[in-house]
């Protein structure tokens, strides 16, 4: 194996490990959010999460002498992501879960993220095509999610319509923010960019909390404070630094498939805690989800598909390193 080939394999391995880590941590945050909401109203809980995360990232930025945004485009992107992702997306998630949408149903609704990201990428990212292969993978993966959470699909009454729509809109916000960062955030530093964006989110969420007249009380100890610290440090600092780094090297749509894997993590976590079961049908659903991801990103399937259509070349593998890293 040549040096270039071995480097490409190493890059793919690191990216795969980072992707897996995000799936595990973000899969656990659905439960952590639910626990955090037991001790604080939704917008306040989100505010506390991101104030801790942004301050931690600020300390890391000073320690590592990270590069801060230097032009209007980068600062505008900080403001945009802070409002769209850390205010609207997370505000809607916390509000939806606080208003009766169970964690499993939340996972189903947020699993629309890959499709919404693919549509946004088609509009804003010239290098990302909306292919039949991607759509097939998204459909297969979403089918697996529906199978896993089959028992909760019929439990959503009309009373939950607005909170459910809030979760779908949250996925829309995440999709738009992801694509915007992919297009204009190549030169940003993950630490300082997230420190600034989360600080914007903190201010906006605090304003929403005050506007909604939420009671500002200290979360319970250890459950409430422990959940907020976990969400801030593991679920925000570690994950968003990793997410930003991954987004520089893979397609936005491919990275959004995390939203299909995190529900599996959540179910496995619930089963390990004894609160939920994980039976053979759930295992089949998880397998279908992973199969959908493979269908969407597999270069081998792309080659076969293009050959069937009479084409001689395949589109680049969305999880391959860029040419300069081979």
C-alpha atoms as a PDB file:
ATOM      1  CA  UNK A   1       0.000   0.000   0.000  1.00  0.00           C
ATOM      2  CA  UNK A   2       1.424   3.376  -0.990  1.00  0.00           C
ATOM      3  CA  UNK A   3       1.806   6.255   1.425  1.00  0.00           C
ATOM      4  CA  UNK A   4      -1.063   8.125  -0.222  1.00  0.00           C
ATOM      5  CA  UNK A   5      -3.360   5.110  -0.049  1.00  0.00           C
ATOM      6  CA  UNK A   6      -2.506   4.390   3.578  1.00  0.00           C
ATOM      7  CA  UNK A   7      -3.103   8.042   4.423  1.00  0.00           C
ATOM      8  CA  UNK A   8      -6.522   7.900   2.777  1.00  0.00           C
ATOM      9  CA  UNK A   9      -7.413   4.775   4.765  1.00  0.00           C
ATOM     10  CA  UNK A  10      -6.281   6.440   7.994  1.00  0.00           C
ATOM     11  CA  UNK A  11      -8.337   9.539   7.197  1.00  0.00           C
ATOM     12  CA  UNK A  12     -11.432   7.438   6.514  1.00  0.00           C
ATOM     13  CA  UNK A  13     -10.895   5.521   9.772  1.00  0.00           C
ATOM     14  CA  UNK A  14     -10.590   8.716  11.830  1.00  0.00           C
ATOM     15  CA  UNK A  15     -13.659  10.189  10.174  1.00  0.00           C
ATOM     16  CA  UNK A  16     -15.606   6.984  10.761  1.00  0.00           C
ATOM     17  CA  UNK A  17     -14.596   6.947  14.426  1.00  0.00           C
ATOM     18  CA  UNK A  18     -15.601  10.600  14.802  1.00  0.00           C
ATOM     19  CA  UNK A  19     -18.949   9.906  13.105  1.00  0.00           C
ATOM     20  CA  UNK A  20     -19.550   6.984  15.475  1.00  0.00           C
ATOM     21  CA  UNK A  21     -18.690   9.101  18.508  1.00  0.00           C
ATOM     22  CA  UNK A  22     -21.207  11.748  17.452  1.00  0.00           C
ATOM     23  CA  UNK A  23     -23.882   9.076  17.014  1.00  0.00           C
ATOM     24  CA  UNK A  24     -23.267   7.741  20.525  1.00  0.00           C
ATOM     25  CA  UNK A  25     -23.123  11.092  22.326  1.00  0.00           C
ATOM     26  CA  UNK A  26     -25.963  12.777  20.465  1.00  0.00           C
ATOM     27  CA  UNK A  27     -28.017   9.599  20.796  1.00  0.00           C
ATOM     28  CA  UNK A  28     -27.767   9.949  24.567  1.00  0.00           C
ATOM     29  CA  UNK A  29     -28.722  13.630  24.592  1.00  0.00           C
ATOM     30  CA  UNK A  30     -32.430  12.969  23.925  1.00  0.00           C
ATOM     31  CA  UNK A  31     -32.651  11.331  27.357  1.00  0.00           C
ATOM     32  CA  UNK A  32     -30.400  13.962  28.943  1.00  0.00           C
ATOM     33  CA  UNK A  33     -32.649  16.743  27.619  1.00  0.00           C
ATOM     34  CA  UNK A  34     -35.667  14.983  29.111  1.00  0.00           C
ATOM     35  CA  UNK A  35     -33.887  14.775  32.491  1.00  0.00           C
ATOM     36  CA  UNK A  36     -32.779  18.394  32.307  1.00  0.00           C
ATOM     37  CA  UNK A  37     -36.358  19.517  31.670  1.00  0.00           C
ATOM     38  CA  UNK A  38     -37.421  17.996  34.985  1.00  0.00           C
ATOM     39  CA  UNK A  39     -35.629  20.789  36.820  1.00  0.00           C
ATOM     40  CA  UNK A  40     -35.904  23.784  34.493  1.00  0.00           C
ATOM     41  CA  UNK A  41     -38.293  25.206  31.866  1.00  0.00           C
ATOM     42  CA  UNK A  42     -37.274  24.599  28.231  1.00  0.00           C
ATOM     43  CA  UNK A  43     -35.683  27.880  27.153  1.00  0.00           C
ATOM     44  CA  UNK A  44     -33.873  28.303  30.467  1.00  0.00           C
ATOM     45  CA  UNK A  45     -32.551  24.732  30.271  1.00  0.00           C
ATOM     46  CA  UNK A  46     -31.197  25.399  26.776  1.00  0.00           C
ATOM     47  CA  UNK A  47     -29.744  28.739  27.929  1.00  0.00           C
ATOM     48  CA  UNK A  48     -27.857  27.092  30.783  1.00  0.00           C
ATOM     49  CA  UNK A  49     -26.539  24.405  28.441  1.00  0.00           C
ATOM     50  CA  UNK A  50     -25.070  26.858  25.977  1.00  0.00           C
ATOM     51  CA  UNK A  51     -23.776  29.401  28.470  1.00  0.00           C
ATOM     52  CA  UNK A  52     -21.637  26.652  30.007  1.00  0.00           C
ATOM     53  CA  UNK A  53     -20.613  25.388  26.565  1.00  0.00           C
ATOM     54  CA  UNK A  54     -19.727  28.829  25.168  1.00  0.00           C
ATOM     55  CA  UNK A  55     -17.678  29.782  28.234  1.00  0.00           C
ATOM     56  CA  UNK A  56     -15.824  26.462  28.075  1.00  0.00           C
ATOM     57  CA  UNK A  57     -15.077  26.978  24.391  1.00  0.00           C
ATOM     58  CA  UNK A  58     -13.892  30.517  25.131  1.00  0.00           C
ATOM     59  CA  UNK A  59     -11.397  29.168  27.653  1.00  0.00           C
ATOM     60  CA  UNK A  60     -10.220  26.564  25.128  1.00  0.00           C
ATOM     61  CA  UNK A  61      -9.852  29.269  22.475  1.00  0.00           C
ATOM     62  CA  UNK A  62      -7.563  31.256  24.767  1.00  0.00           C
ATOM     63  CA  UNK A  63      -5.598  28.172  25.809  1.00  0.00           C
ATOM     64  CA  UNK A  64      -5.019  27.009  22.227  1.00  0.00           C
ATOM     65  CA  UNK A  65      -4.739  30.543  20.791  1.00  0.00           C
ATOM     66  CA  UNK A  66      -7.386  29.675  18.259  1.00  0.00           C
ATOM     67  CA  UNK A  67      -8.117  31.962  15.327  1.00  0.00           C
ATOM     68  CA  UNK A  68     -11.195  34.135  15.718  1.00  0.00           C
ATOM     69  CA  UNK A  69     -13.308  35.207  12.717  1.00  0.00           C
ATOM     70  CA  UNK A  70     -11.582  38.009  10.827  1.00  0.00           C
ATOM     71  CA  UNK A  71     -14.075  39.294   8.256  1.00  0.00           C
ATOM     72  CA  UNK A  72     -17.726  40.192   7.844  1.00  0.00           C
ATOM     73  CA  UNK A  73     -18.620  36.930   6.140  1.00  0.00           C
ATOM     74  CA  UNK A  74     -17.311  34.824   9.019  1.00  0.00           C
ATOM     75  CA  UNK A  75     -18.934  37.004  11.687  1.00  0.00           C
ATOM     76  CA  UNK A  76     -22.201  36.972   9.747  1.00  0.00           C
ATOM     77  CA  UNK A  77     -21.997  33.178   9.672  1.00  0.00           C
ATOM     78  CA  UNK A  78     -21.402  33.111  13.441  1.00  0.00           C
ATOM     79  CA  UNK A  79     -24.535  35.213  13.912  1.00  0.00           C
ATOM     80  CA  UNK A  80     -26.570  33.150  11.438  1.00  0.00           C
ATOM     81  CA  UNK A  81     -25.655  29.775  12.953  1.00  0.00           C
ATOM     82  CA  UNK A  82     -26.144  31.164  16.458  1.00  0.00           C
ATOM     83  CA  UNK A  83     -29.703  32.176  15.614  1.00  0.00           C
ATOM     84  CA  UNK A  84     -30.769  29.363  13.282  1.00  0.00           C
ATOM     85  CA  UNK A  85     -29.033  26.389  14.936  1.00  0.00           C
ATOM     86  CA  UNK A  86     -28.423  27.204  18.583  1.00  0.00           C
ATOM     87  CA  UNK A  87     -31.527  29.353  19.110  1.00  0.00           C
ATOM     88  CA  UNK A  88     -34.259  28.111  16.780  1.00  0.00           C
ATOM     89  CA  UNK A  89     -33.233  24.467  16.360  1.00  0.00           C
ATOM     90  CA  UNK A  90     -32.506  23.773  20.011  1.00  0.00           C
ATOM     91  CA  UNK A  91     -35.239  26.068  21.275  1.00  0.00           C
ATOM     92  CA  UNK A  92     -37.787  24.115  19.236  1.00  0.00           C
ATOM     93  CA  UNK A  93     -36.356  20.757  20.367  1.00  0.00           C
ATOM     94  CA  UNK A  94     -36.531  21.693  24.052  1.00  0.00           C
ATOM     95  CA  UNK A  95     -39.974  23.259  23.663  1.00  0.00           C
ATOM     96  CA  UNK A  96     -41.335  20.266  21.743  1.00  0.00           C
ATOM     97  CA  UNK A  97     -40.096  17.709  24.263  1.00  0.00           C
ATOM     98  CA  UNK A  98     -41.391  19.847  27.112  1.00  0.00           C
ATOM     99  CA  UNK A  99     -44.849  19.901  25.509  1.00  0.00           C
ATOM    100  CA  UNK A 100     -45.520  16.205  25.351  1.00  0.00           C
ATOM    101  CA  UNK A 101     -43.518  14.828  22.426  1.00  0.00           C
ATOM    102  CA  UNK A 102     -41.857  11.631  23.653  1.00  0.00           C
ATOM    103  CA  UNK A 103     -38.168  11.065  22.977  1.00  0.00           C
ATOM    104  CA  UNK A 104     -38.871   8.290  20.465  1.00  0.00           C
ATOM    105  CA  UNK A 105     -41.372  10.363  18.511  1.00  0.00           C
ATOM    106  CA  UNK A 106     -38.942  13.287  18.624  1.00  0.00           C
ATOM    107  CA  UNK A 107     -36.325  11.040  17.051  1.00  0.00           C
ATOM    108  CA  UNK A 108     -38.706  10.082  14.230  1.00  0.00           C
ATOM    109  CA  UNK A 109     -39.545  13.707  13.459  1.00  0.00           C
ATOM    110  CA  UNK A 110     -35.930  14.871  13.617  1.00  0.00           C
ATOM    111  CA  UNK A 111     -34.927  11.968  11.362  1.00  0.00           C
ATOM    112  CA  UNK A 112     -36.302  14.049   8.489  1.00  0.00           C
ATOM    113  CA  UNK A 113     -32.975  15.923   8.724  1.00  0.00           C
ATOM    114  CA  UNK A 114     -31.148  13.972   5.962  1.00  0.00           C
ATOM    115  CA  UNK A 115     -33.883  14.648   3.405  1.00  0.00           C
ATOM    116  CA  UNK A 116     -34.093  18.316   4.339  1.00  0.00           C
ATOM    117  CA  UNK A 117     -30.303  18.634   4.254  1.00  0.00           C
ATOM    118  CA  UNK A 118     -30.161  16.984   0.830  1.00  0.00           C
ATOM    119  CA  UNK A 119     -32.731  19.449  -0.511  1.00  0.00           C
ATOM    120  CA  UNK A 120     -30.926  22.445   1.002  1.00  0.00           C
ATOM    121  CA  UNK A 121     -27.583  21.181  -0.303  1.00  0.00           C
ATOM    122  CA  UNK A 122     -28.998  20.848  -3.798  1.00  0.00           C
ATOM    123  CA  UNK A 123     -29.997  24.509  -3.679  1.00  0.00           C
ATOM    124  CA  UNK A 124     -26.850  25.949  -2.085  1.00  0.00           C
ATOM    125  CA  UNK A 125     -23.960  23.530  -2.657  1.00  0.00           C
ATOM    126  CA  UNK A 126     -23.041  23.066  -6.329  1.00  0.00           C
ATOM    127  CA  UNK A 127     -20.807  20.101  -5.493  1.00  0.00           C
ATOM    128  CA  UNK A 128     -23.533  18.059  -3.803  1.00  0.00           C
ATOM    129  CA  UNK A 129     -26.002  16.472  -6.193  1.00  0.00           C
ATOM    130  CA  UNK A 130     -29.374  15.104  -5.173  1.00  0.00           C
ATOM    131  CA  UNK A 131     -29.075  11.659  -6.726  1.00  0.00           C
ATOM    132  CA  UNK A 132     -31.492   8.745  -6.827  1.00  0.00           C
ATOM    133  CA  UNK A 133     -28.947   6.802  -4.773  1.00  0.00           C
ATOM    134  CA  UNK A 134     -29.076   9.378  -1.962  1.00  0.00           C
ATOM    135  CA  UNK A 135     -32.864   9.517  -2.001  1.00  0.00           C
ATOM    136  CA  UNK A 136     -33.091   5.727  -1.898  1.00  0.00           C
ATOM    137  CA  UNK A 137     -30.717   5.564   1.059  1.00  0.00           C
ATOM    138  CA  UNK A 138     -32.645   8.263   2.920  1.00  0.00           C
ATOM    139  CA  UNK A 139     -35.961   6.484   2.307  1.00  0.00           C
ATOM    140  CA  UNK A 140     -34.578   3.118   3.432  1.00  0.00           C
ATOM    141  CA  UNK A 141     -33.030   4.612   6.557  1.00  0.00           C
ATOM    142  CA  UNK A 142     -36.199   6.479   7.496  1.00  0.00           C
ATOM    143  CA  UNK A 143     -38.159   3.258   7.006  1.00  0.00           C
ATOM    144  CA  UNK A 144     -35.908   1.597   9.564  1.00  0.00           C
ATOM    145  CA  UNK A 145     -36.609   4.412  12.038  1.00  0.00           C
ATOM    146  CA  UNK A 146     -40.361   3.960  11.565  1.00  0.00           C
ATOM    147  CA  UNK A 147     -39.969   0.236  12.224  1.00  0.00           C
ATOM    148  CA  UNK A 148     -38.019   0.783  15.441  1.00  0.00           C
ATOM    149  CA  UNK A 149     -40.546   3.294  16.793  1.00  0.00           C
ATOM    150  CA  UNK A 150     -43.627   1.588  15.327  1.00  0.00           C
ATOM    151  CA  UNK A 151     -45.401   1.495  18.697  1.00  0.00           C
ATOM    152  CA  UNK A 152     -45.203   5.273  19.129  1.00  0.00           C
ATOM    153  CA  UNK A 153     -46.439   6.302  15.694  1.00  0.00           C
ATOM    154  CA  UNK A 154     -50.104   5.862  16.580  1.00  0.00           C
ATOM    155  CA  UNK A 155     -49.851   7.510  20.000  1.00  0.00           C
ATOM    156  CA  UNK A 156     -49.493  11.068  18.710  1.00  0.00           C
ATOM    157  CA  UNK A 157     -52.851  12.767  19.046  1.00  0.00           C
ATOM    158  CA  UNK A 158     -53.955  16.035  17.540  1.00  0.00           C
ATOM    159  CA  UNK A 159     -53.096  17.759  20.812  1.00  0.00           C
ATOM    160  CA  UNK A 160     -49.419  17.230  19.957  1.00  0.00           C
ATOM    161  CA  UNK A 161     -49.659  18.549  16.407  1.00  0.00           C
ATOM    162  CA  UNK A 162     -47.929  21.880  17.083  1.00  0.00           C
ATOM    163  CA  UNK A 163     -45.087  20.401  19.193  1.00  0.00           C
ATOM    164  CA  UNK A 164     -44.567  17.741  16.516  1.00  0.00           C
ATOM    165  CA  UNK A 165     -44.356  20.394  13.804  1.00  0.00           C
ATOM    166  CA  UNK A 166     -41.838  22.193  16.012  1.00  0.00           C
ATOM    167  CA  UNK A 167     -39.556  19.141  15.861  1.00  0.00           C
ATOM    168  CA  UNK A 168     -39.795  18.985  12.070  1.00  0.00           C
ATOM    169  CA  UNK A 169     -39.040  22.708  11.876  1.00  0.00           C
ATOM    170  CA  UNK A 170     -36.076  22.142  14.195  1.00  0.00           C
ATOM    171  CA  UNK A 171     -34.688  19.666  11.669  1.00  0.00           C
ATOM    172  CA  UNK A 172     -35.219  22.283   8.941  1.00  0.00           C
ATOM    173  CA  UNK A 173     -33.184  24.813  10.919  1.00  0.00           C
ATOM    174  CA  UNK A 174     -30.401  22.287  11.470  1.00  0.00           C
ATOM    175  CA  UNK A 175     -30.348  21.461   7.752  1.00  0.00           C
ATOM    176  CA  UNK A 176     -30.072  25.101   6.673  1.00  0.00           C
ATOM    177  CA  UNK A 177     -27.367  25.851   9.260  1.00  0.00           C
ATOM    178  CA  UNK A 178     -25.376  22.778   8.216  1.00  0.00           C
ATOM    179  CA  UNK A 179     -25.441  23.692   4.539  1.00  0.00           C
ATOM    180  CA  UNK A 180     -24.599  27.347   5.236  1.00  0.00           C
ATOM    181  CA  UNK A 181     -21.598  26.351   7.336  1.00  0.00           C
ATOM    182  CA  UNK A 182     -20.502  23.877   4.667  1.00  0.00           C
ATOM    183  CA  UNK A 183     -20.590  26.571   1.987  1.00  0.00           C
ATOM    184  CA  UNK A 184     -19.119  29.561   3.813  1.00  0.00           C
ATOM    185  CA  UNK A 185     -17.302  28.128   6.841  1.00  0.00           C
ATOM    186  CA  UNK A 186     -14.228  26.446   5.345  1.00  0.00           C
ATOM    187  CA  UNK A 187     -11.766  28.839   7.001  1.00  0.00           C
ATOM    188  CA  UNK A 188     -13.442  28.991  10.412  1.00  0.00           C
ATOM    189  CA  UNK A 189     -11.848  27.525  13.522  1.00  0.00           C
ATOM    190  CA  UNK A 190     -14.206  24.990  15.171  1.00  0.00           C
ATOM    191  CA  UNK A 191     -13.450  26.206  18.698  1.00  0.00           C
ATOM    192  CA  UNK A 192     -13.873  29.946  18.217  1.00  0.00           C
ATOM    193  CA  UNK A 193     -16.701  29.602  15.717  1.00  0.00           C
ATOM    194  CA  UNK A 194     -18.779  27.518  18.113  1.00  0.00           C
ATOM    195  CA  UNK A 195     -17.851  29.738  21.061  1.00  0.00           C
ATOM    196  CA  UNK A 196     -19.252  32.736  19.204  1.00  0.00           C
ATOM    197  CA  UNK A 197     -22.301  30.953  17.789  1.00  0.00           C
ATOM    198  CA  UNK A 198     -23.242  29.419  21.133  1.00  0.00           C
ATOM    199  CA  UNK A 199     -22.811  32.802  22.829  1.00  0.00           C
ATOM    200  CA  UNK A 200     -25.305  34.246  20.324  1.00  0.00           C
ATOM    201  CA  UNK A 201     -27.616  31.314  21.031  1.00  0.00           C
ATOM    202  CA  UNK A 202     -27.284  31.853  24.774  1.00  0.00           C
ATOM    203  CA  UNK A 203     -28.343  35.501  24.552  1.00  0.00           C
ATOM    204  CA  UNK A 204     -31.278  34.738  22.243  1.00  0.00           C
ATOM    205  CA  UNK A 205     -32.490  31.782  24.313  1.00  0.00           C
ATOM    206  CA  UNK A 206     -32.270  33.845  27.502  1.00  0.00           C
ATOM    207  CA  UNK A 207     -34.377  36.525  25.808  1.00  0.00           C
ATOM    208  CA  UNK A 208     -36.936  33.888  24.803  1.00  0.00           C
ATOM    209  CA  UNK A 209     -36.999  32.580  28.356  1.00  0.00           C
ATOM    210  CA  UNK A 210     -37.619  36.057  29.750  1.00  0.00           C
ATOM    211  CA  UNK A 211     -40.217  36.778  27.069  1.00  0.00           C
ATOM    212  CA  UNK A 212     -42.047  33.556  27.917  1.00  0.00           C
ATOM    213  CA  UNK A 213     -41.887  34.534  31.615  1.00  0.00           C
ATOM    214  CA  UNK A 214     -40.253  31.289  32.593  1.00  0.00           C
ATOM    215  CA  UNK A 215     -39.341  31.024  36.286  1.00  0.00           C
ATOM    216  CA  UNK A 216     -35.581  31.336  36.697  1.00  0.00           C
ATOM    217  CA  UNK A 217     -34.793  28.779  39.329  1.00  0.00           C
ATOM    218  CA  UNK A 218     -31.756  26.624  39.962  1.00  0.00           C
ATOM    219  CA  UNK A 219     -32.049  23.125  38.425  1.00  0.00           C
ATOM    220  CA  UNK A 220     -32.223  20.191  40.788  1.00  0.00           C
ATOM    221  CA  UNK A 221     -29.073  18.465  42.004  1.00  0.00           C
ATOM    222  CA  UNK A 222     -27.701  16.106  40.886  1.00  0.00           C
ATOM    223  CA  UNK A 223     -30.111  15.180  38.059  1.00  0.00           C
ATOM    224  CA  UNK A 224     -30.848  18.587  36.536  1.00  0.00           C
ATOM    225  CA  UNK A 225     -27.403  20.138  36.914  1.00  0.00           C
ATOM    226  CA  UNK A 226     -25.722  16.872  35.925  1.00  0.00           C
ATOM    227  CA  UNK A 227     -27.799  16.683  32.738  1.00  0.00           C
ATOM    228  CA  UNK A 228     -26.998  20.300  31.838  1.00  0.00           C
ATOM    229  CA  UNK A 229     -23.267  19.773  32.399  1.00  0.00           C
ATOM    230  CA  UNK A 230     -23.311  16.615  30.283  1.00  0.00           C
ATOM    231  CA  UNK A 231     -25.236  18.349  27.513  1.00  0.00           C
ATOM    232  CA  UNK A 232     -22.898  21.350  27.630  1.00  0.00           C
ATOM    233  CA  UNK A 233     -19.556  19.556  27.756  1.00  0.00           C
ATOM    234  CA  UNK A 234     -20.086  16.256  25.948  1.00  0.00           C
ATOM    235  CA  UNK A 235     -23.226  17.104  23.971  1.00  0.00           C
ATOM    236  CA  UNK A 236     -22.048  20.531  22.791  1.00  0.00           C
ATOM    237  CA  UNK A 237     -18.326  21.261  23.236  1.00  0.00           C
ATOM    238  CA  UNK A 238     -16.955  17.875  22.177  1.00  0.00           C
ATOM    239  CA  UNK A 239     -19.590  17.141  19.566  1.00  0.00           C
ATOM    240  CA  UNK A 240     -19.707  20.471  17.761  1.00  0.00           C
ATOM    241  CA  UNK A 241     -15.927  20.775  17.524  1.00  0.00           C
ATOM    242  CA  UNK A 242     -15.932  17.297  15.977  1.00  0.00           C
ATOM    243  CA  UNK A 243     -18.956  18.059  13.787  1.00  0.00           C
ATOM    244  CA  UNK A 244     -17.375  21.231  12.393  1.00  0.00           C
ATOM    245  CA  UNK A 245     -14.175  19.361  11.624  1.00  0.00           C
ATOM    246  CA  UNK A 246     -16.033  16.560   9.859  1.00  0.00           C
ATOM    247  CA  UNK A 247     -18.153  18.975   7.853  1.00  0.00           C
ATOM    248  CA  UNK A 248     -15.023  20.390   6.217  1.00  0.00           C
ATOM    249  CA  UNK A 249     -14.226  16.990   4.697  1.00  0.00           C
ATOM    250  CA  UNK A 250     -17.505  15.185   3.984  1.00  0.00           C
ATOM    251  CA  UNK A 251     -20.780  16.019   2.287  1.00  0.00           C
ATOM    252  CA  UNK A 252     -23.376  17.811   4.387  1.00  0.00           C
ATOM    253  CA  UNK A 253     -25.994  15.186   3.499  1.00  0.00           C
ATOM    254  CA  UNK A 254     -23.708  12.326   4.505  1.00  0.00           C
ATOM    255  CA  UNK A 255     -23.022  13.935   7.873  1.00  0.00           C
ATOM    256  CA  UNK A 256     -26.744  14.476   8.461  1.00  0.00           C
ATOM    257  CA  UNK A 257     -27.243  10.702   8.544  1.00  0.00           C
ATOM    258  CA  UNK A 258     -26.232  10.969  12.185  1.00  0.00           C
ATOM    259  CA  UNK A 259     -29.910  11.818  12.755  1.00  0.00           C
ATOM    260  CA  UNK A 260     -30.833   8.298  11.610  1.00  0.00           C
ATOM    261  CA  UNK A 261     -28.325   6.564  13.888  1.00  0.00           C
ATOM    262  CA  UNK A 262     -28.877   8.536  17.092  1.00  0.00           C
ATOM    263  CA  UNK A 263     -32.378   7.054  17.648  1.00  0.00           C
ATOM    264  CA  UNK A 264     -30.812   3.589  17.655  1.00  0.00           C
ATOM    265  CA  UNK A 265     -28.362   4.744  20.308  1.00  0.00           C
ATOM    266  CA  UNK A 266     -31.242   6.185  22.322  1.00  0.00           C
ATOM    267  CA  UNK A 267     -33.187   2.909  22.199  1.00  0.00           C
ATOM    268  CA  UNK A 268     -30.124   0.867  23.169  1.00  0.00           C
ATOM    269  CA  UNK A 269     -29.476   3.249  26.057  1.00  0.00           C
ATOM    270  CA  UNK A 270     -33.073   2.896  27.207  1.00  0.00           C
ATOM    271  CA  UNK A 271     -32.822  -0.890  26.997  1.00  0.00           C
ATOM    272  CA  UNK A 272     -29.595  -0.924  29.005  1.00  0.00           C
ATOM    273  CA  UNK A 273     -31.252   1.151  31.724  1.00  0.00           C
ATOM    274  CA  UNK A 274     -34.187  -1.246  31.804  1.00  0.00           C
ATOM    275  CA  UNK A 275     -36.763   1.327  30.693  1.00  0.00           C
ATOM    276  CA  UNK A 276     -37.274  -0.014  27.163  1.00  0.00           C
ATOM    277  CA  UNK A 277     -36.996  -3.273  25.245  1.00  0.00           C
ATOM    278  CA  UNK A 278     -34.930  -3.997  22.155  1.00  0.00           C
ATOM    279  CA  UNK A 279     -36.327  -7.011  20.308  1.00  0.00           C
ATOM    280  CA  UNK A 280     -35.657  -8.736  17.003  1.00  0.00           C
ATOM    281  CA  UNK A 281     -37.838  -6.296  15.050  1.00  0.00           C
ATOM    282  CA  UNK A 282     -35.895  -3.378  16.533  1.00  0.00           C
ATOM    283  CA  UNK A 283     -32.673  -5.077  15.463  1.00  0.00           C
ATOM    284  CA  UNK A 284     -34.092  -5.456  11.963  1.00  0.00           C
ATOM    285  CA  UNK A 285     -34.995  -1.764  11.949  1.00  0.00           C
ATOM    286  CA  UNK A 286     -31.474  -0.807  13.043  1.00  0.00           C
ATOM    287  CA  UNK A 287     -30.027  -2.992  10.305  1.00  0.00           C
ATOM    288  CA  UNK A 288     -32.279  -1.310   7.742  1.00  0.00           C
ATOM    289  CA  UNK A 289     -31.112   2.127   8.931  1.00  0.00           C
ATOM    290  CA  UNK A 290     -27.462   1.170   8.530  1.00  0.00           C
ATOM    291  CA  UNK A 291     -28.278  -0.365   5.156  1.00  0.00           C
ATOM    292  CA  UNK A 292     -29.876   2.901   4.076  1.00  0.00           C
ATOM    293  CA  UNK A 293     -26.758   4.832   5.020  1.00  0.00           C
ATOM    294  CA  UNK A 294     -24.623   2.377   3.063  1.00  0.00           C
ATOM    295  CA  UNK A 295     -26.861   2.703   0.018  1.00  0.00           C
ATOM    296  CA  UNK A 296     -26.596   6.486   0.186  1.00  0.00           C
ATOM    297  CA  UNK A 297     -22.811   6.795   0.467  1.00  0.00           C
ATOM    298  CA  UNK A 298     -21.454   3.636  -1.176  1.00  0.00           C
ATOM    299  CA  UNK A 299     -19.194   4.350  -4.128  1.00  0.00           C
ATOM    300  CA  UNK A 300     -19.488   0.742  -5.283  1.00  0.00           C
ATOM    301  CA  UNK A 301     -23.245   1.079  -5.655  1.00  0.00           C
ATOM    302  CA  UNK A 302     -22.720   4.383  -7.454  1.00  0.00           C
ATOM    303  CA  UNK A 303     -20.414   2.671  -9.948  1.00  0.00           C
ATOM    304  CA  UNK A 304     -22.956  -0.095 -10.545  1.00  0.00           C
ATOM    305  CA  UNK A 305     -25.778   2.401 -10.921  1.00  0.00           C
ATOM    306  CA  UNK A 306     -23.892   4.543 -13.382  1.00  0.00           C
ATOM    307  CA  UNK A 307     -22.891   1.463 -15.352  1.00  0.00           C
ATOM    308  CA  UNK A 308     -26.532   0.437 -15.603  1.00  0.00           C
ATOM    309  CA  UNK A 309     -27.345   3.912 -16.880  1.00  0.00           C
ATOM    310  CA  UNK A 310     -24.565   3.657 -19.441  1.00  0.00           C
ATOM    311  CA  UNK A 311     -22.142   6.056 -17.757  1.00  0.00           C
ATOM    312  CA  UNK A 312     -18.477   5.302 -17.301  1.00  0.00           C
ATOM    313  CA  UNK A 313     -17.565   7.351 -14.235  1.00  0.00           C
ATOM    314  CA  UNK A 314     -18.952   7.535 -10.767  1.00  0.00           C
ATOM    315  CA  UNK A 315     -19.467  10.485  -8.515  1.00  0.00           C
ATOM    316  CA  UNK A 316     -16.833  10.911  -5.803  1.00  0.00           C
ATOM    317  CA  UNK A 317     -17.485   9.026  -2.617  1.00  0.00           C
ATOM    318  CA  UNK A 318     -18.912  11.581  -0.164  1.00  0.00           C
ATOM    319  CA  UNK A 319     -16.851  10.121   2.670  1.00  0.00           C
ATOM    320  CA  UNK A 320     -13.612   9.975   0.717  1.00  0.00           C
ATOM    321  CA  UNK A 321     -10.929  12.512   1.673  1.00  0.00           C
ATOM    322  CA  UNK A 322     -10.436  15.394  -0.755  1.00  0.00           C
ATOM    323  CA  UNK A 323      -7.924  14.888  -3.545  1.00  0.00           C
ATOM    324  CA  UNK A 324      -5.260  16.791  -1.681  1.00  0.00           C
ATOM    325  CA  UNK A 325      -5.425  14.321   1.212  1.00  0.00           C
ATOM    326  CA  UNK A 326      -5.055  11.117  -0.797  1.00  0.00           C
END
